[in-house]
Amino acid sequence: MTYHVLDRLLYLYIDEKNDAQTISNKLQIEISEVERVIKLYENSEHKRNTPPILQK
């Protein structure tokens, strides 16, 4: 998968709120590839959120 396709896939999933089947149809790629990227994205959610700063 090229970066261009990956970027488009993430845009359709995150910004446009499309489901895996719709993305697969729009980009003409296998649904298993779309689901794999979505799983990787969702499993790395903790990396995008900063933990709260605790004050003493």
PDB file of N, CA and C in Angstrom:
ATOM      1  N   MET A   1       0.851  -1.167   0.000  1.00  0.00           N
ATOM      2  CA  MET A   1       0.000   0.000   0.000  1.00  0.00           C
ATOM      3  C   MET A   1       0.901   1.236   0.000  1.00  0.00           C
ATOM      4  N   THR A   2       0.594   2.170  -0.879  1.00  0.00           N
ATOM      5  CA  THR A   2       1.395   3.386  -0.959  1.00  0.00           C
ATOM      6  C   THR A   2       0.958   4.378   0.115  1.00  0.00           C
ATOM      7  N   TYR A   3       1.838   5.344   0.376  1.00  0.00           N
ATOM      8  CA  TYR A   3       1.493   6.374   1.355  1.00  0.00           C
ATOM      9  C   TYR A   3       0.280   7.179   0.902  1.00  0.00           C
ATOM     10  N   HIS A   4       0.151   7.375  -0.383  1.00  0.00           N
ATOM     11  CA  HIS A   4      -1.002   8.118  -0.904  1.00  0.00           C
ATOM     12  C   HIS A   4      -2.310   7.393  -0.582  1.00  0.00           C
ATOM     13  N   VAL A   5      -2.325   6.097  -0.793  1.00  0.00           N
ATOM     14  CA  VAL A   5      -3.529   5.298  -0.506  1.00  0.00           C
ATOM     15  C   VAL A   5      -3.777   5.264   1.002  1.00  0.00           C
ATOM     16  N   LEU A   6      -2.716   5.082   1.781  1.00  0.00           N
ATOM     17  CA  LEU A   6      -2.854   5.065   3.238  1.00  0.00           C
ATOM     18  C   LEU A   6      -3.401   6.397   3.749  1.00  0.00           C
ATOM     19  N   ASP A   7      -2.889   7.488   3.231  1.00  0.00           N
ATOM     20  CA  ASP A   7      -3.363   8.815   3.628  1.00  0.00           C
ATOM     21  C   ASP A   7      -4.840   8.984   3.292  1.00  0.00           C
ATOM     22  N   ARG A   8      -5.228   8.561   2.124  1.00  0.00           N
ATOM     23  CA  ARG A   8      -6.633   8.660   1.706  1.00  0.00           C
ATOM     24  C   ARG A   8      -7.522   7.778   2.595  1.00  0.00           C
ATOM     25  N   LEU A   9      -7.048   6.587   2.898  1.00  0.00           N
ATOM     26  CA  LEU A   9      -7.799   5.669   3.749  1.00  0.00           C
ATOM     27  C   LEU A   9      -8.028   6.282   5.126  1.00  0.00           C
ATOM     28  N   LEU A  10      -6.977   6.812   5.721  1.00  0.00           N
ATOM     29  CA  LEU A  10      -7.118   7.415   7.048  1.00  0.00           C
ATOM     30  C   LEU A  10      -8.019   8.644   7.009  1.00  0.00           C
ATOM     31  N   TYR A  11      -7.929   9.419   5.957  1.00  0.00           N
ATOM     32  CA  TYR A  11      -8.807  10.584   5.814  1.00  0.00           C
ATOM     33  C   TYR A  11     -10.272  10.139   5.770  1.00  0.00           C
ATOM     34  N   LEU A  12     -10.559   9.141   4.964  1.00  0.00           N
ATOM     35  CA  LEU A  12     -11.932   8.657   4.849  1.00  0.00           C
ATOM     36  C   LEU A  12     -12.439   8.074   6.164  1.00  0.00           C
ATOM     37  N   TYR A  13     -11.554   7.433   6.915  1.00  0.00           N
ATOM     38  CA  TYR A  13     -11.965   6.821   8.180  1.00  0.00           C
ATOM     39  C   TYR A  13     -12.098   7.851   9.298  1.00  0.00           C
ATOM     40  N   ILE A  14     -11.097   8.693   9.467  1.00  0.00           N
ATOM     41  CA  ILE A  14     -11.072   9.614  10.604  1.00  0.00           C
ATOM     42  C   ILE A  14     -11.922  10.854  10.350  1.00  0.00           C
ATOM     43  N   ASP A  15     -11.690  11.519   9.235  1.00  0.00           N
ATOM     44  CA  ASP A  15     -12.362  12.797   8.970  1.00  0.00           C
ATOM     45  C   ASP A  15     -13.763  12.635   8.393  1.00  0.00           C
ATOM     46  N   GLU A  16     -13.912  11.683   7.496  1.00  0.00           N
ATOM     47  CA  GLU A  16     -15.205  11.499   6.835  1.00  0.00           C
ATOM     48  C   GLU A  16     -16.095  10.480   7.533  1.00  0.00           C
ATOM     49  N   LYS A  17     -15.552   9.765   8.524  1.00  0.00           N
ATOM     50  CA  LYS A  17     -16.314   8.795   9.329  1.00  0.00           C
ATOM     51  C   LYS A  17     -16.935   7.668   8.500  1.00  0.00           C
ATOM     52  N   ASN A  18     -16.211   7.202   7.479  1.00  0.00           N
ATOM     53  CA  ASN A  18     -16.684   6.089   6.657  1.00  0.00           C
ATOM     54  C   ASN A  18     -16.342   4.766   7.320  1.00  0.00           C
ATOM     55  N   ASP A  19     -17.134   3.738   7.032  1.00  0.00           N
ATOM     56  CA  ASP A  19     -16.834   2.414   7.558  1.00  0.00           C
ATOM     57  C   ASP A  19     -15.881   1.680   6.603  1.00  0.00           C
ATOM     58  N   ALA A  20     -15.402   0.528   7.040  1.00  0.00           N
ATOM     59  CA  ALA A  20     -14.403  -0.217   6.280  1.00  0.00           C
ATOM     60  C   ALA A  20     -14.904  -0.615   4.895  1.00  0.00           C
ATOM     61  N   GLN A  21     -16.143  -1.055   4.803  1.00  0.00           N
ATOM     62  CA  GLN A  21     -16.696  -1.483   3.512  1.00  0.00           C
ATOM     63  C   GLN A  21     -16.762  -0.319   2.529  1.00  0.00           C
ATOM     64  N   THR A  22     -17.191   0.843   2.978  1.00  0.00           N
ATOM     65  CA  THR A  22     -17.285   2.017   2.115  1.00  0.00           C
ATOM     66  C   THR A  22     -15.903   2.438   1.627  1.00  0.00           C
ATOM     67  N   ILE A  23     -14.940   2.426   2.547  1.00  0.00           N
ATOM     68  CA  ILE A  23     -13.567   2.796   2.180  1.00  0.00           C
ATOM     69  C   ILE A  23     -13.012   1.807   1.163  1.00  0.00           C
ATOM     70  N   SER A  24     -13.238   0.536   1.385  1.00  0.00           N
ATOM     71  CA  SER A  24     -12.785  -0.501   0.464  1.00  0.00           C
ATOM     72  C   SER A  24     -13.357  -0.280  -0.936  1.00  0.00           C
ATOM     73  N   ASN A  25     -14.627   0.044  -0.996  1.00  0.00           N
ATOM     74  CA  ASN A  25     -15.273   0.293  -2.284  1.00  0.00           C
ATOM     75  C   ASN A  25     -14.737   1.553  -2.953  1.00  0.00           C
ATOM     76  N   LYS A  26     -14.566   2.638  -2.191  1.00  0.00           N
ATOM     77  CA  LYS A  26     -14.100   3.899  -2.763  1.00  0.00           C
ATOM     78  C   LYS A  26     -12.667   3.805  -3.280  1.00  0.00           C
ATOM     79  N   LEU A  27     -11.812   3.101  -2.539  1.00  0.00           N
ATOM     80  CA  LEU A  27     -10.403   3.031  -2.909  1.00  0.00           C
ATOM     81  C   LEU A  27     -10.065   1.791  -3.739  1.00  0.00           C
ATOM     82  N   GLN A  28     -11.039   0.916  -3.895  1.00  0.00           N
ATOM     83  CA  GLN A  28     -10.878  -0.320  -4.660  1.00  0.00           C
ATOM     84  C   GLN A  28      -9.699  -1.151  -4.146  1.00  0.00           C
ATOM     85  N   ILE A  29      -9.686  -1.355  -2.822  1.00  0.00           N
ATOM     86  CA  ILE A  29      -8.701  -2.226  -2.202  1.00  0.00           C
ATOM     87  C   ILE A  29      -9.437  -3.247  -1.350  1.00  0.00           C
ATOM     88  N   GLU A  30      -8.738  -4.317  -1.022  1.00  0.00           N
ATOM     89  CA  GLU A  30      -9.343  -5.397  -0.240  1.00  0.00           C
ATOM     90  C   GLU A  30      -9.795  -4.894   1.126  1.00  0.00           C
ATOM     91  N   ILE A  31     -10.957  -5.364   1.557  1.00  0.00           N
ATOM     92  CA  ILE A  31     -11.487  -4.950   2.855  1.00  0.00           C
ATOM     93  C   ILE A  31     -10.573  -5.414   3.985  1.00  0.00           C
ATOM     94  N   SER A  32      -9.882  -6.527   3.798  1.00  0.00           N
ATOM     95  CA  SER A  32      -8.962  -7.002   4.835  1.00  0.00           C
ATOM     96  C   SER A  32      -7.825  -6.004   5.064  1.00  0.00           C
ATOM     97  N   GLU A  33      -7.355  -5.350   4.010  1.00  0.00           N
ATOM     98  CA  GLU A  33      -6.314  -4.325   4.147  1.00  0.00           C
ATOM     99  C   GLU A  33      -6.860  -3.107   4.889  1.00  0.00           C
ATOM    100  N   VAL A  34      -8.069  -2.711   4.571  1.00  0.00           N
ATOM    101  CA  VAL A  34      -8.698  -1.575   5.249  1.00  0.00           C
ATOM    102  C   VAL A  34      -8.873  -1.889   6.729  1.00  0.00           C
ATOM    103  N   GLU A  35      -9.369  -3.065   7.031  1.00  0.00           N
ATOM    104  CA  GLU A  35      -9.575  -3.457   8.424  1.00  0.00           C
ATOM    105  C   GLU A  35      -8.251  -3.544   9.178  1.00  0.00           C
ATOM    106  N   ARG A  36      -7.181  -3.985   8.518  1.00  0.00           N
ATOM    107  CA  ARG A  36      -5.859  -4.069   9.158  1.00  0.00           C
ATOM    108  C   ARG A  36      -5.362  -2.677   9.532  1.00  0.00           C
ATOM    109  N   VAL A  37      -5.505  -1.712   8.622  1.00  0.00           N
ATOM    110  CA  VAL A  37      -5.060  -0.344   8.900  1.00  0.00           C
ATOM    111  C   VAL A  37      -5.900   0.278  10.009  1.00  0.00           C
ATOM    112  N   ILE A  38      -7.196   0.064   9.976  1.00  0.00           N
ATOM    113  CA  ILE A  38      -8.076   0.606  11.020  1.00  0.00           C
ATOM    114  C   ILE A  38      -7.699   0.010  12.378  1.00  0.00           C
ATOM    115  N   LYS A  39      -7.411  -1.283  12.417  1.00  0.00           N
ATOM    116  CA  LYS A  39      -7.008  -1.923  13.674  1.00  0.00           C
ATOM    117  C   LYS A  39      -5.698  -1.326  14.184  1.00  0.00           C
ATOM    118  N   LEU A  40      -4.735  -1.126  13.312  1.00  0.00           N
ATOM    119  CA  LEU A  40      -3.462  -0.510  13.707  1.00  0.00           C
ATOM    120  C   LEU A  40      -3.691   0.897  14.244  1.00  0.00           C
ATOM    121  N   TYR A  41      -4.557   1.642  13.599  1.00  0.00           N
ATOM    122  CA  TYR A  41      -4.872   3.002  14.037  1.00  0.00           C
ATOM    123  C   TYR A  41      -5.512   2.988  15.429  1.00  0.00           C
ATOM    124  N   GLU A  42      -6.497   2.138  15.607  1.00  0.00           N
ATOM    125  CA  GLU A  42      -7.212   2.096  16.883  1.00  0.00           C
ATOM    126  C   GLU A  42      -6.331   1.562  18.014  1.00  0.00           C
ATOM    127  N   ASN A  43      -5.439   0.630  17.706  1.00  0.00           N
ATOM    128  CA  ASN A  43      -4.556   0.076  18.739  1.00  0.00           C
ATOM    129  C   ASN A  43      -3.460   1.052  19.157  1.00  0.00           C
ATOM    130  N   SER A  44      -3.241   2.095  18.389  1.00  0.00           N
ATOM    131  CA  SER A  44      -2.208   3.079  18.742  1.00  0.00           C
ATOM    132  C   SER A  44      -2.811   4.370  19.296  1.00  0.00           C
ATOM    133  N   GLU A  45      -4.055   4.325  19.704  1.00  0.00           N
ATOM    134  CA  GLU A  45      -4.743   5.494  20.240  1.00  0.00           C
ATOM    135  C   GLU A  45      -3.990   6.105  21.423  1.00  0.00           C
ATOM    136  N   HIS A  46      -3.427   5.266  22.272  1.00  0.00           N
ATOM    137  CA  HIS A  46      -2.722   5.762  23.456  1.00  0.00           C
ATOM    138  C   HIS A  46      -1.526   6.640  23.094  1.00  0.00           C
ATOM    139  N   LYS A  47      -0.986   6.502  21.918  1.00  0.00           N
ATOM    140  CA  LYS A  47       0.159   7.313  21.502  1.00  0.00           C
ATOM    141  C   LYS A  47      -0.246   8.734  21.109  1.00  0.00           C
ATOM    142  N   ARG A  48      -1.508   8.923  20.791  1.00  0.00           N
ATOM    143  CA  ARG A  48      -1.991  10.245  20.379  1.00  0.00           C
ATOM    144  C   ARG A  48      -2.568  11.065  21.527  1.00  0.00           C
ATOM    145  N   ASN A  49      -2.762  10.449  22.660  1.00  0.00           N
ATOM    146  CA  ASN A  49      -3.321  11.137  23.823  1.00  0.00           C
ATOM    147  C   ASN A  49      -2.245  11.331  24.876  1.00  0.00           C
ATOM    148  N   THR A  50      -2.087  12.548  25.311  1.00  0.00           N
ATOM    149  CA  THR A  50      -1.119  12.809  26.374  1.00  0.00           C
ATOM    150  C   THR A  50      -1.761  12.554  27.722  1.00  0.00           C
ATOM    151  N   PRO A  51      -1.028  11.956  28.635  1.00  0.00           N
ATOM    152  CA  PRO A  51      -1.595  11.701  29.955  1.00  0.00           C
ATOM    153  C   PRO A  51      -1.738  13.000  30.732  1.00  0.00           C
ATOM    154  N   PRO A  52      -2.653  13.034  31.677  1.00  0.00           N
ATOM    155  CA  PRO A  52      -2.814  14.244  32.474  1.00  0.00           C
ATOM    156  C   PRO A  52      -1.574  14.484  33.352  1.00  0.00           C
ATOM    157  N   ILE A  53      -1.274  15.731  33.553  1.00  0.00           N
ATOM    158  CA  ILE A  53      -0.154  16.101  34.399  1.00  0.00           C
ATOM    159  C   ILE A  53      -0.635  16.138  35.837  1.00  0.00           C
ATOM    160  N   LEU A  54       0.009  15.365  36.676  1.00  0.00           N
ATOM    161  CA  LEU A  54      -0.373  15.308  38.082  1.00  0.00           C
ATOM    162  C   LEU A  54       0.410  16.366  38.856  1.00  0.00           C
ATOM    163  N   GLN A  55      -0.299  17.085  39.668  1.00  0.00           N
ATOM    164  CA  GLN A  55       0.346  18.099  40.484  1.00  0.00           C
ATOM    165  C   GLN A  55       0.378  17.639  41.940  1.00  0.00           C
ATOM    166  N   LYS A  56       1.456  17.959  42.623  1.00  0.00           N
ATOM    167  CA  LYS A  56       1.584  17.566  44.024  1.00  0.00           C
ATOM    168  C   LYS A  56       1.093  18.659  44.933  1.00  0.00           C
TER     169      LYS A  56
END
